[in-house]
Amino acid sequence: MDAREVQPRLVRSEACLLAALTESRQRRAVTLPKLLHDYDWLNRALRTFDELSFGLPRLVAAGFVVVTGADGDLRLEPSSKAREWGKSIRRNARGAGGVLEAAARLAGAPPYPVPEQEEDRSLGRLPGLAEADVNEAVRAYEAWFWPRARPFLAASRALSRVIGNALRA
């Protein structure tokens, strides 16, 4: 079954979540901060509580994701079907942008810049996932990310100043 046959239908943000979950090519379950890390790497954005809590049940219902763990410590594992889907994306994509385009295409979602289709929330929120859990996962990811990113941002700003001064001269 391909993601286009899933009911309720996946939207682009779920296709990106699935691509992030399969991007690491690991067969083991990942934590929410790890999923946010991989999603941010691919899409340069973080998912909101609503996107996660309503989107993950569609991925579970489609057989792409297995959720384990207890409240506050959920783990997300790509199914064998999801891993095959991820391999298909990687075979047909170049770079992060290509991964996102291939994921959306496989999900039957419209390509950028076409607006995202309205999501079906009939399955409700993912049981065991609270907004506080997502906020904590974002904080944990940011605590990992910012110490590593700041030196690159500082170097980028300094280089921009040097280039700007050279162009003005």
C-alpha atoms as a PDB file:
ATOM      1  CA  MET A   1       0.000   0.000   0.000  1.00  0.00           C
ATOM      2  CA  ASP A   2       1.253   3.410  -0.864  1.00  0.00           C
ATOM      3  CA  ALA A   3       0.556   6.475   1.257  1.00  0.00           C
ATOM      4  CA  ARG A   4      -1.865   7.819  -1.369  1.00  0.00           C
ATOM      5  CA  GLU A   5      -4.239   4.956  -0.540  1.00  0.00           C
ATOM      6  CA  VAL A   6      -4.325   5.758   3.204  1.00  0.00           C
ATOM      7  CA  GLN A   7      -7.597   6.859   4.731  1.00  0.00           C
ATOM      8  CA  PRO A   8      -7.748   9.357   6.276  1.00  0.00           C
ATOM      9  CA  ARG A   9      -5.440  10.817   3.676  1.00  0.00           C
ATOM     10  CA  LEU A  10      -2.001  12.050   4.710  1.00  0.00           C
ATOM     11  CA  VAL A  11      -1.107  15.699   4.308  1.00  0.00           C
ATOM     12  CA  ARG A  12       2.310  17.105   3.453  1.00  0.00           C
ATOM     13  CA  SER A  13       3.309  17.615   7.102  1.00  0.00           C
ATOM     14  CA  GLU A  14       2.696  13.908   7.849  1.00  0.00           C
ATOM     15  CA  ALA A  15       4.666  12.909   4.763  1.00  0.00           C
ATOM     16  CA  CYS A  16       7.522  15.022   6.124  1.00  0.00           C
ATOM     17  CA  LEU A  17       7.167  13.433   9.572  1.00  0.00           C
ATOM     18  CA  LEU A  18       7.351   9.996   7.996  1.00  0.00           C
ATOM     19  CA  ALA A  19      10.387  11.004   5.944  1.00  0.00           C
ATOM     20  CA  ALA A  20      12.059  12.293   9.129  1.00  0.00           C
ATOM     21  CA  LEU A  21      11.256   9.086  10.978  1.00  0.00           C
ATOM     22  CA  THR A  22      12.765   6.964   8.199  1.00  0.00           C
ATOM     23  CA  GLU A  23      15.638   9.330   7.372  1.00  0.00           C
ATOM     24  CA  SER A  24      17.997   7.891   9.958  1.00  0.00           C
ATOM     25  CA  ARG A  25      17.494   4.405   8.455  1.00  0.00           C
ATOM     26  CA  GLN A  26      17.287   3.002  11.956  1.00  0.00           C
ATOM     27  CA  ARG A  27      15.002   0.137  12.793  1.00  0.00           C
ATOM     28  CA  ARG A  28      14.616   1.127  16.403  1.00  0.00           C
ATOM     29  CA  ALA A  29      12.185   3.474  18.064  1.00  0.00           C
ATOM     30  CA  VAL A  30      13.156   7.125  18.424  1.00  0.00           C
ATOM     31  CA  THR A  31      12.252   9.643  21.080  1.00  0.00           C
ATOM     32  CA  LEU A  32      10.220  12.740  20.347  1.00  0.00           C
ATOM     33  CA  PRO A  33      13.303  15.038  20.572  1.00  0.00           C
ATOM     34  CA  LYS A  34      15.109  12.805  18.027  1.00  0.00           C
ATOM     35  CA  LEU A  35      12.116  12.940  15.676  1.00  0.00           C
ATOM     36  CA  LEU A  36      12.016  16.737  16.028  1.00  0.00           C
ATOM     37  CA  HIS A  37      15.763  16.868  15.289  1.00  0.00           C
ATOM     38  CA  ASP A  38      15.387  14.840  12.094  1.00  0.00           C
ATOM     39  CA  TYR A  39      12.287  16.797  11.044  1.00  0.00           C
ATOM     40  CA  ASP A  40      14.079  20.103  11.601  1.00  0.00           C
ATOM     41  CA  TRP A  41      17.066  18.849   9.606  1.00  0.00           C
ATOM     42  CA  LEU A  42      14.801  18.002   6.668  1.00  0.00           C
ATOM     43  CA  ASN A  43      12.275  20.818   6.778  1.00  0.00           C
ATOM     44  CA  ARG A  44      14.008  23.544   8.826  1.00  0.00           C
ATOM     45  CA  ALA A  45      10.971  23.744  11.085  1.00  0.00           C
ATOM     46  CA  LEU A  46       9.539  22.194  14.217  1.00  0.00           C
ATOM     47  CA  ARG A  47       6.128  20.552  14.364  1.00  0.00           C
ATOM     48  CA  THR A  48       3.463  21.988  16.619  1.00  0.00           C
ATOM     49  CA  PHE A  49       1.560  20.008  19.210  1.00  0.00           C
ATOM     50  CA  ASP A  50      -1.514  19.963  16.955  1.00  0.00           C
ATOM     51  CA  GLU A  51       0.467  18.741  13.935  1.00  0.00           C
ATOM     52  CA  LEU A  52       2.055  15.952  15.975  1.00  0.00           C
ATOM     53  CA  SER A  53      -0.934  14.941  18.074  1.00  0.00           C
ATOM     54  CA  PHE A  54      -3.338  14.789  15.103  1.00  0.00           C
ATOM     55  CA  GLY A  55      -0.795  13.671  12.465  1.00  0.00           C
ATOM     56  CA  LEU A  56       0.775  10.728  14.275  1.00  0.00           C
ATOM     57  CA  PRO A  57      -2.554   8.832  14.613  1.00  0.00           C
ATOM     58  CA  ARG A  58      -2.920   8.938  10.811  1.00  0.00           C
ATOM     59  CA  LEU A  59       0.573   7.480  10.427  1.00  0.00           C
ATOM     60  CA  VAL A  60      -0.255   4.802  13.027  1.00  0.00           C
ATOM     61  CA  ALA A  61      -3.580   3.978  11.317  1.00  0.00           C
ATOM     62  CA  ALA A  62      -1.784   3.681   7.984  1.00  0.00           C
ATOM     63  CA  GLY A  63       0.637   1.164   9.485  1.00  0.00           C
ATOM     64  CA  PHE A  64       3.691   3.407   9.114  1.00  0.00           C
ATOM     65  CA  VAL A  65       4.417   4.069  12.801  1.00  0.00           C
ATOM     66  CA  VAL A  66       4.354   1.970  15.945  1.00  0.00           C
ATOM     67  CA  VAL A  67       4.089   3.905  19.214  1.00  0.00           C
ATOM     68  CA  THR A  68       5.550   2.398  22.375  1.00  0.00           C
ATOM     69  CA  GLY A  69       6.329   3.698  25.840  1.00  0.00           C
ATOM     70  CA  ALA A  70       4.250   5.352  28.495  1.00  0.00           C
ATOM     71  CA  ASP A  71       2.870   8.849  28.864  1.00  0.00           C
ATOM     72  CA  GLY A  72       5.711  11.335  28.814  1.00  0.00           C
ATOM     73  CA  ASP A  73       8.152   8.813  27.312  1.00  0.00           C
ATOM     74  CA  LEU A  74       6.647   7.847  23.968  1.00  0.00           C
ATOM     75  CA  ARG A  75       8.844   6.162  21.376  1.00  0.00           C
ATOM     76  CA  LEU A  76       8.088   6.136  17.665  1.00  0.00           C
ATOM     77  CA  GLU A  77       9.247   3.283  15.495  1.00  0.00           C
ATOM     78  CA  PRO A  78       8.989   3.106  11.715  1.00  0.00           C
ATOM     79  CA  SER A  79       7.268  -0.071  10.545  1.00  0.00           C
ATOM     80  CA  SER A  80       8.845  -2.239   7.842  1.00  0.00           C
ATOM     81  CA  LYS A  81       6.396  -0.603   5.404  1.00  0.00           C
ATOM     82  CA  ALA A  82       7.646   2.835   6.491  1.00  0.00           C
ATOM     83  CA  ARG A  83      11.279   1.800   6.053  1.00  0.00           C
ATOM     84  CA  GLU A  84      10.532   0.596   2.503  1.00  0.00           C
ATOM     85  CA  TRP A  85       8.756   3.889   1.842  1.00  0.00           C
ATOM     86  CA  GLY A  86      11.825   5.749   3.142  1.00  0.00           C
ATOM     87  CA  LYS A  87      14.143   3.736   0.879  1.00  0.00           C
ATOM     88  CA  SER A  88      11.962   4.642  -2.087  1.00  0.00           C
ATOM     89  CA  ILE A  89      12.186   8.321  -1.185  1.00  0.00           C
ATOM     90  CA  ARG A  90      15.982   8.233  -0.812  1.00  0.00           C
ATOM     91  CA  ARG A  91      16.390   6.428  -4.157  1.00  0.00           C
ATOM     92  CA  ASN A  92      14.440   9.171  -5.937  1.00  0.00           C
ATOM     93  CA  ALA A  93      15.560  12.300  -4.101  1.00  0.00           C
ATOM     94  CA  ARG A  94      18.531  14.609  -3.986  1.00  0.00           C
ATOM     95  CA  GLY A  95      19.145  16.625  -0.852  1.00  0.00           C
ATOM     96  CA  ALA A  96      16.652  17.558   1.845  1.00  0.00           C
ATOM     97  CA  GLY A  97      14.420  19.444  -0.593  1.00  0.00           C
ATOM     98  CA  GLY A  98      14.234  16.410  -2.840  1.00  0.00           C
ATOM     99  CA  VAL A  99      13.322  14.208   0.118  1.00  0.00           C
ATOM    100  CA  LEU A 100      10.450  16.535   1.021  1.00  0.00           C
ATOM    101  CA  GLU A 101       9.197  16.651  -2.580  1.00  0.00           C
ATOM    102  CA  ALA A 102       9.394  12.862  -2.949  1.00  0.00           C
ATOM    103  CA  ALA A 103       7.640  12.326   0.398  1.00  0.00           C
ATOM    104  CA  ALA A 104       4.798  14.680  -0.548  1.00  0.00           C
ATOM    105  CA  ARG A 105       4.464  13.040  -3.961  1.00  0.00           C
ATOM    106  CA  LEU A 106       4.276   9.539  -2.440  1.00  0.00           C
ATOM    107  CA  ALA A 107       1.688  10.768   0.059  1.00  0.00           C
ATOM    108  CA  GLY A 108      -0.395  12.270  -2.724  1.00  0.00           C
ATOM    109  CA  ALA A 109      -0.028  15.736  -1.190  1.00  0.00           C
ATOM    110  CA  PRO A 110       0.265  18.788  -3.426  1.00  0.00           C
ATOM    111  CA  PRO A 111       3.803  20.086  -4.043  1.00  0.00           C
ATOM    112  CA  TYR A 112       5.060  23.407  -2.694  1.00  0.00           C
ATOM    113  CA  PRO A 113       3.939  26.201  -3.111  1.00  0.00           C
ATOM    114  CA  VAL A 114       0.402  24.816  -3.459  1.00  0.00           C
ATOM    115  CA  PRO A 115      -1.365  25.312  -0.111  1.00  0.00           C
ATOM    116  CA  GLU A 116      -1.574  22.300   2.182  1.00  0.00           C
ATOM    117  CA  GLN A 117      -4.844  20.412   1.964  1.00  0.00           C
ATOM    118  CA  GLU A 118      -7.049  20.445   5.034  1.00  0.00           C
ATOM    119  CA  GLU A 119      -6.205  17.609   7.380  1.00  0.00           C
ATOM    120  CA  ASP A 120      -8.731  15.057   8.574  1.00  0.00           C
ATOM    121  CA  ARG A 121      -8.770  15.034  12.380  1.00  0.00           C
ATOM    122  CA  SER A 122     -11.380  12.289  12.721  1.00  0.00           C
ATOM    123  CA  LEU A 123      -8.940   9.921  14.467  1.00  0.00           C
ATOM    124  CA  GLY A 124      -8.396  12.420  17.263  1.00  0.00           C
ATOM    125  CA  ARG A 125      -5.162  13.119  19.086  1.00  0.00           C
ATOM    126  CA  LEU A 126      -2.481  10.527  19.792  1.00  0.00           C
ATOM    127  CA  PRO A 127      -3.263   8.987  23.199  1.00  0.00           C
ATOM    128  CA  GLY A 128      -0.474   9.560  25.695  1.00  0.00           C
ATOM    129  CA  LEU A 129       0.950  12.634  23.957  1.00  0.00           C
ATOM    130  CA  ALA A 130       0.420  15.815  25.965  1.00  0.00           C
ATOM    131  CA  GLU A 131       1.271  19.350  24.928  1.00  0.00           C
ATOM    132  CA  ALA A 132       3.724  19.481  27.857  1.00  0.00           C
ATOM    133  CA  ASP A 133       5.546  16.450  26.354  1.00  0.00           C
ATOM    134  CA  VAL A 134       5.959  18.235  23.016  1.00  0.00           C
ATOM    135  CA  ASN A 135       7.108  21.434  24.736  1.00  0.00           C
ATOM    136  CA  GLU A 136       9.668  19.442  26.743  1.00  0.00           C
ATOM    137  CA  ALA A 137      10.874  17.671  23.583  1.00  0.00           C
ATOM    138  CA  VAL A 138      11.323  21.040  21.869  1.00  0.00           C
ATOM    139  CA  ARG A 139      13.299  22.338  24.877  1.00  0.00           C
ATOM    140  CA  ALA A 140      15.492  19.208  24.872  1.00  0.00           C
ATOM    141  CA  TYR A 141      16.142  19.541  21.145  1.00  0.00           C
ATOM    142  CA  GLU A 142      16.918  23.258  21.459  1.00  0.00           C
ATOM    143  CA  ALA A 143      19.320  22.549  24.338  1.00  0.00           C
ATOM    144  CA  TRP A 144      21.184  20.196  22.006  1.00  0.00           C
ATOM    145  CA  PHE A 145      20.915  22.380  18.888  1.00  0.00           C
ATOM    146  CA  TRP A 146      21.791  25.936  19.949  1.00  0.00           C
ATOM    147  CA  PRO A 147      25.240  25.295  21.461  1.00  0.00           C
ATOM    148  CA  ARG A 148      26.211  23.634  18.179  1.00  0.00           C
ATOM    149  CA  ALA A 149      24.579  26.224  15.890  1.00  0.00           C
ATOM    150  CA  ARG A 150      25.750  29.465  17.549  1.00  0.00           C
ATOM    151  CA  PRO A 151      29.396  29.259  16.332  1.00  0.00           C
ATOM    152  CA  PHE A 152      28.207  28.736  12.755  1.00  0.00           C
ATOM    153  CA  LEU A 153      25.739  31.610  12.995  1.00  0.00           C
ATOM    154  CA  ALA A 154      28.449  33.903  14.377  1.00  0.00           C
ATOM    155  CA  ALA A 155      30.822  32.895  11.577  1.00  0.00           C
ATOM    156  CA  SER A 156      28.087  33.451   9.003  1.00  0.00           C
ATOM    157  CA  ARG A 157      27.350  36.945  10.341  1.00  0.00           C
ATOM    158  CA  ALA A 158      31.055  37.828  10.368  1.00  0.00           C
ATOM    159  CA  LEU A 159      31.475  36.603   6.806  1.00  0.00           C
ATOM    160  CA  SER A 160      28.419  38.580   5.719  1.00  0.00           C
ATOM    161  CA  ARG A 161      29.922  41.740   7.234  1.00  0.00           C
ATOM    162  CA  VAL A 162      33.250  41.140   5.455  1.00  0.00           C
ATOM    163  CA  ILE A 163      31.515  40.557   2.118  1.00  0.00           C
ATOM    164  CA  GLY A 164      29.234  43.556   2.645  1.00  0.00           C
ATOM    165  CA  ASN A 165      32.191  45.806   3.442  1.00  0.00           C
ATOM    166  CA  ALA A 166      34.094  44.503   0.405  1.00  0.00           C
ATOM    167  CA  LEU A 167      31.119  45.193  -1.877  1.00  0.00           C
ATOM    168  CA  ARG A 168      30.702  48.727  -0.519  1.00  0.00           C
ATOM    169  CA  ALA A 169      34.416  49.512  -1.033  1.00  0.00           C
END
